[in-house]
Amino acid sequence: MKKIILSIFTVMAMMACKNSSENSESESEVKAEEKNEISSQDEDWQYLFDGKNADGWRAYNGKEGEGLPDGWIIENKTLKSLGKGGDIGGDIVYEKKEFEEFELYLEWKISPEGNSGVFYHVIEDEKYDAPYFAAPEYQIIDQLGFPQELEPWQSIGGDYGMYDPEYNEEDLKEIGEWNSSRIRFTNEKVTYWLNGEKTLEFEPWSEDWQKRKDEGKWKDFPDYGKAKSGLIGLQDHGSFTWFRNIKIKEL
């Protein structure tokens, strides 16, 4: 009798496990978000977007308190660009505070052939048409499916136009899957990560940095990278991009 009862419980347990494994991917994503919220209880971290509202986010060079522009929405606890932007226009900034030395963490996914990025030390001024006129950019892109051939300085996890990333193609996530990115900026060293793997590091304002600026993409942008503090920004470069769990810690 004990063996029969034990067998019944074993079958029931196996069925429960099967039902659990057949649950939608959204449940696992919710668990991941819950875990992230727990870790964020560290008072040194603050959310710039927590999935509930977009307080503090507005168009670059926009008016304070005006909220998200037409090209951005909140969708399923994500901050989503609608692909209305381009080389100029469509980008947003978090207006509530400027950051100098920091660690920024966020999660994102992008549509096929998509292009986006994360800006920091963003300076707003009418003489700048877009954040990249003065602000560094962590590159987000469909690395394998982008319709044009990408140069190393245009690649995922790179410091756009300045420092090439190091990554393994086989480790890149499929389009539609969530990625994590991290930027750690100090006046002595800058480090980027993609999905937990370091992609690059460099010394800001060093001789090497200055040489790359003077001879490369930004040679005709005199104010590029000069600022030592500024806003955080997100790019809409003409594709759907989803962001979540955007948080920052001052160093």
Protein backbone atom coordinates (compact mmCIF):
# COMPACT_ATOMS: atom_id res chain seq x y z
CA MET A 1 0.00 0.00 0.00
CA LYS A 2 2.82 2.42 0.88
CA LYS A 3 4.41 1.77 -2.53
CA ILE A 4 1.10 2.50 -4.28
CA ILE A 5 0.62 5.77 -2.37
CA LEU A 6 4.21 6.75 -3.09
CA SER A 7 3.72 6.04 -6.80
CA ILE A 8 0.60 8.20 -6.88
CA PHE A 9 2.44 11.12 -5.29
CA THR A 10 5.34 10.65 -7.71
CA VAL A 11 3.03 10.82 -10.72
CA MET A 12 1.28 13.90 -9.31
CA ALA A 13 4.63 15.61 -8.74
CA MET A 14 5.75 14.84 -12.30
CA MET A 15 2.51 16.25 -13.71
CA ALA A 16 2.93 19.41 -11.65
CA CYS A 17 6.47 19.84 -12.91
CA LYS A 18 5.32 19.37 -16.50
CA ASN A 19 2.55 21.94 -16.12
CA SER A 20 5.00 24.37 -14.59
CA SER A 21 7.50 23.95 -17.43
CA GLU A 22 4.75 24.60 -19.98
CA ASN A 23 3.95 28.02 -18.54
CA SER A 24 4.59 30.99 -20.81
CA GLU A 25 7.93 32.80 -21.02
CA SER A 26 6.24 35.83 -19.46
CA GLU A 27 6.15 34.06 -16.08
CA SER A 28 9.91 33.55 -16.08
CA GLU A 29 10.35 37.18 -17.08
CA VAL A 30 8.16 38.26 -14.17
CA LYS A 31 10.30 36.19 -11.80
CA ALA A 32 13.42 37.81 -13.22
CA GLU A 33 11.90 41.23 -12.68
CA GLU A 34 10.94 40.32 -9.11
CA LYS A 35 14.50 39.20 -8.47
CA ASN A 36 15.77 42.47 -9.91
CA GLU A 37 13.41 44.46 -7.69
CA ILE A 38 14.69 42.60 -4.63
CA SER A 39 18.31 43.33 -5.53
CA SER A 40 17.44 46.98 -6.05
CA GLN A 41 16.53 47.29 -2.36
CA ASP A 42 20.17 48.33 -1.99
CA GLU A 43 19.58 51.99 -1.26
CA ASP A 44 22.56 52.96 -3.41
CA TRP A 45 20.57 52.03 -6.53
CA GLN A 46 17.74 54.16 -7.86
CA TYR A 47 15.31 53.37 -10.64
CA LEU A 48 15.12 55.66 -13.65
CA PHE A 49 12.31 53.47 -14.98
CA ASP A 50 10.58 50.81 -12.92
CA GLY A 51 7.93 49.65 -15.37
CA LYS A 52 5.13 51.59 -13.71
CA ASN A 53 5.46 55.11 -15.08
CA ALA A 54 7.83 57.27 -17.09
CA ASP A 55 8.21 60.13 -14.62
CA GLY A 56 11.23 62.24 -15.50
CA TRP A 57 11.52 61.09 -19.12
CA ARG A 58 10.95 63.57 -21.94
CA ALA A 59 12.25 64.53 -25.37
CA TYR A 60 15.85 65.68 -25.72
CA ASN A 61 15.93 69.50 -25.67
CA GLY A 62 12.27 69.40 -24.62
CA LYS A 63 10.47 71.25 -21.85
CA GLU A 64 10.77 70.11 -18.26
CA GLY A 65 7.87 68.00 -17.08
CA GLU A 66 6.32 67.54 -20.52
CA GLY A 67 6.56 63.74 -20.39
CA LEU A 68 7.24 61.25 -23.15
CA PRO A 69 7.08 62.44 -26.77
CA ASP A 70 4.80 60.75 -29.31
CA GLY A 71 7.48 58.27 -30.35
CA TRP A 72 7.66 56.56 -26.95
CA ILE A 73 5.13 54.60 -24.89
CA ILE A 74 4.92 52.35 -21.85
CA GLU A 75 4.05 48.82 -22.97
CA ASN A 76 3.90 45.74 -20.71
CA LYS A 77 6.16 47.34 -18.08
CA THR A 78 8.69 48.42 -20.69
CA LEU A 79 9.71 51.80 -22.09
CA LYS A 80 9.31 51.36 -25.85
CA SER A 81 10.47 53.45 -28.81
CA LEU A 82 8.13 53.34 -31.80
CA GLY A 83 10.76 53.84 -34.49
CA LYS A 84 9.72 57.39 -35.35
CA GLY A 85 13.19 58.81 -34.73
CA GLY A 86 16.22 58.92 -36.94
CA ASP A 87 19.69 60.39 -37.09
CA ILE A 88 18.17 63.60 -35.70
CA GLY A 89 15.16 63.58 -33.39
CA GLY A 90 13.31 60.97 -31.38
CA ASP A 91 15.72 60.58 -28.43
CA ILE A 92 14.67 60.97 -24.80
CA VAL A 93 16.45 61.92 -21.56
CA TYR A 94 15.90 61.46 -17.85
CA GLU A 95 15.60 65.05 -16.68
CA LYS A 96 15.57 64.76 -12.90
CA LYS A 97 19.29 64.52 -12.24
CA GLU A 98 22.71 64.78 -13.83
CA PHE A 99 25.20 62.02 -13.11
CA GLU A 100 28.99 62.21 -13.01
CA GLU A 101 30.56 58.94 -11.83
CA PHE A 102 28.05 56.11 -11.88
CA GLU A 103 27.12 52.54 -12.67
CA LEU A 104 24.11 52.15 -14.97
CA TYR A 105 22.23 48.90 -15.53
CA LEU A 106 19.36 48.21 -17.91
CA GLU A 107 17.72 45.44 -19.91
CA TRP A 108 16.63 45.75 -23.53
CA LYS A 109 15.51 43.97 -26.66
CA ILE A 110 15.32 45.23 -30.22
CA SER A 111 13.39 44.54 -33.41
CA PRO A 112 15.01 42.91 -36.47
CA GLU A 113 17.54 45.19 -38.23
CA GLY A 114 17.15 47.59 -35.31
CA ASN A 115 19.51 50.30 -34.08
CA SER A 116 19.51 52.15 -30.77
CA GLY A 117 21.80 53.23 -27.98
CA VAL A 118 22.27 54.56 -24.46
CA PHE A 119 23.74 58.04 -23.89
CA TYR A 120 25.35 59.46 -20.77
CA HIS A 121 26.77 62.86 -19.82
CA VAL A 122 24.09 64.29 -22.11
CA ILE A 123 24.14 68.09 -22.46
CA GLU A 124 21.06 69.92 -23.71
CA ASP A 125 21.50 73.03 -25.83
CA GLU A 126 19.83 74.41 -28.95
CA LYS A 127 23.16 74.21 -30.77
CA TYR A 128 23.06 70.40 -30.44
CA ASP A 129 20.55 68.65 -32.71
CA ALA A 130 20.92 65.31 -30.92
CA PRO A 131 22.58 63.90 -27.79
CA TYR A 132 25.50 62.42 -29.74
CA PHE A 133 26.79 65.90 -30.61
CA ALA A 134 28.33 65.93 -27.13
CA ALA A 135 27.49 62.64 -25.35
CA PRO A 136 29.15 59.19 -25.53
CA GLU A 137 26.95 56.29 -26.65
CA TYR A 138 26.78 52.62 -25.68
CA GLN A 139 25.81 50.95 -28.94
CA ILE A 140 22.70 48.75 -29.21
CA ILE A 141 22.07 47.13 -32.60
CA ASP A 142 20.96 43.97 -34.41
CA GLN A 143 24.57 42.92 -34.86
CA LEU A 144 23.95 39.92 -37.13
CA GLY A 145 20.85 41.09 -38.99
CA PHE A 146 21.56 44.76 -39.67
CA PRO A 147 21.09 45.41 -43.42
CA GLN A 148 24.43 47.21 -43.88
CA GLU A 149 27.86 45.85 -42.99
CA LEU A 150 28.93 47.19 -39.63
CA GLU A 151 32.33 48.59 -38.82
CA PRO A 152 33.84 47.49 -35.48
CA TRP A 153 33.18 50.95 -34.02
CA GLN A 154 29.48 50.56 -34.89
CA SER A 155 29.14 47.19 -33.16
CA ILE A 156 27.05 46.05 -30.22
CA GLY A 157 28.41 46.87 -26.78
CA GLY A 158 30.89 49.37 -28.19
CA ASP A 159 31.59 53.00 -27.38
CA TYR A 160 30.13 54.26 -30.65
CA GLY A 161 32.72 55.83 -32.92
CA MET A 162 35.50 55.52 -30.33
CA TYR A 163 36.23 52.09 -28.87
CA ASP A 164 35.55 48.73 -30.54
CA PRO A 165 33.88 46.03 -28.43
CA GLU A 166 35.09 42.47 -27.92
CA TYR A 167 32.40 39.78 -28.02
CA ASN A 168 31.69 36.30 -29.36
CA GLU A 169 28.98 36.11 -32.02
CA GLU A 170 27.80 32.77 -30.68
CA ASP A 171 27.07 34.42 -27.34
CA LEU A 172 24.77 37.08 -28.81
CA LYS A 173 21.10 36.75 -27.93
CA GLU A 174 18.50 36.04 -30.59
CA ILE A 175 16.50 39.06 -31.73
CA GLY A 176 13.46 39.38 -29.47
CA GLU A 177 15.30 38.04 -26.43
CA TRP A 178 16.23 40.25 -23.50
CA ASN A 179 19.77 41.52 -23.10
CA SER A 180 21.42 43.25 -20.15
CA SER A 181 23.88 46.12 -20.43
CA ARG A 182 26.01 47.83 -17.84
CA ILE A 183 28.09 50.98 -17.98
CA ARG A 184 30.49 51.85 -15.19
CA PHE A 185 31.97 55.31 -15.51
CA THR A 186 34.64 56.83 -13.30
CA ASN A 187 37.08 59.60 -14.11
CA GLU A 188 39.85 56.99 -14.15
CA LYS A 189 38.22 54.17 -16.14
CA VAL A 190 35.12 53.36 -18.18
CA THR A 191 33.88 49.77 -18.55
CA TYR A 192 31.02 48.36 -20.65
CA TRP A 193 29.36 44.95 -20.28
CA LEU A 194 26.89 43.02 -22.44
CA ASN A 195 24.96 40.12 -20.90
CA GLY A 196 27.47 39.89 -18.07
CA GLU A 197 30.57 39.88 -20.30
CA LYS A 198 32.96 42.83 -20.46
CA THR A 199 33.13 44.28 -23.98
CA LEU A 200 35.62 47.11 -23.46
CA GLU A 201 37.34 49.51 -21.10
CA PHE A 202 39.19 52.77 -21.61
CA GLU A 203 40.54 55.79 -19.80
CA PRO A 204 38.41 58.88 -20.50
CA TRP A 205 40.14 62.05 -21.70
CA SER A 206 43.48 60.25 -22.00
CA GLU A 207 45.92 60.85 -24.86
CA ASP A 208 44.55 57.76 -26.59
CA TRP A 209 40.97 58.99 -26.12
CA GLN A 210 41.83 62.44 -27.48
CA LYS A 211 43.61 60.95 -30.50
CA ARG A 212 40.60 58.79 -31.36
CA LYS A 213 38.31 61.80 -31.08
CA ASP A 214 40.51 64.06 -33.20
CA GLU A 215 41.03 61.54 -36.00
CA GLY A 216 37.76 59.61 -36.07
CA LYS A 217 33.99 59.94 -36.15
CA TRP A 218 33.89 62.94 -33.82
CA LYS A 219 36.62 65.13 -35.29
CA ASP A 220 34.00 67.66 -36.45
CA PHE A 221 32.12 67.64 -33.13
CA PRO A 222 34.20 69.93 -30.91
CA ASP A 223 32.16 69.37 -27.75
CA TYR A 224 31.95 65.59 -27.99
CA GLY A 225 32.84 63.89 -24.69
CA LYS A 226 33.95 67.07 -22.90
CA ALA A 227 31.24 67.02 -20.22
CA LYS A 228 32.09 65.30 -16.95
CA SER A 229 28.47 65.06 -15.88
CA GLY A 230 25.09 65.11 -17.59
CA LEU A 231 21.80 63.37 -18.20
CA ILE A 232 21.09 59.77 -19.18
CA GLY A 233 19.46 59.32 -22.60
CA LEU A 234 17.90 56.62 -24.79
CA GLN A 235 17.98 56.62 -28.57
CA ASP A 236 15.21 56.03 -31.09
CA HIS A 237 17.07 55.45 -34.33
CA GLY A 238 14.09 54.30 -36.37
CA SER A 239 13.27 50.91 -34.83
CA PHE A 240 11.22 49.36 -32.06
CA THR A 241 13.33 49.00 -28.92
CA TRP A 242 12.15 47.95 -25.49
CA PHE A 243 13.85 48.93 -22.21
CA ARG A 244 13.16 47.82 -18.65
CA ASN A 245 14.76 47.75 -15.19
CA ILE A 246 16.72 50.94 -15.81
CA LYS A 247 18.61 51.75 -12.63
CA ILE A 248 21.69 53.68 -11.62
CA LYS A 249 24.10 53.94 -8.71
CA GLU A 250 26.30 56.96 -8.08
CA LEU A 251 29.95 56.22 -7.37
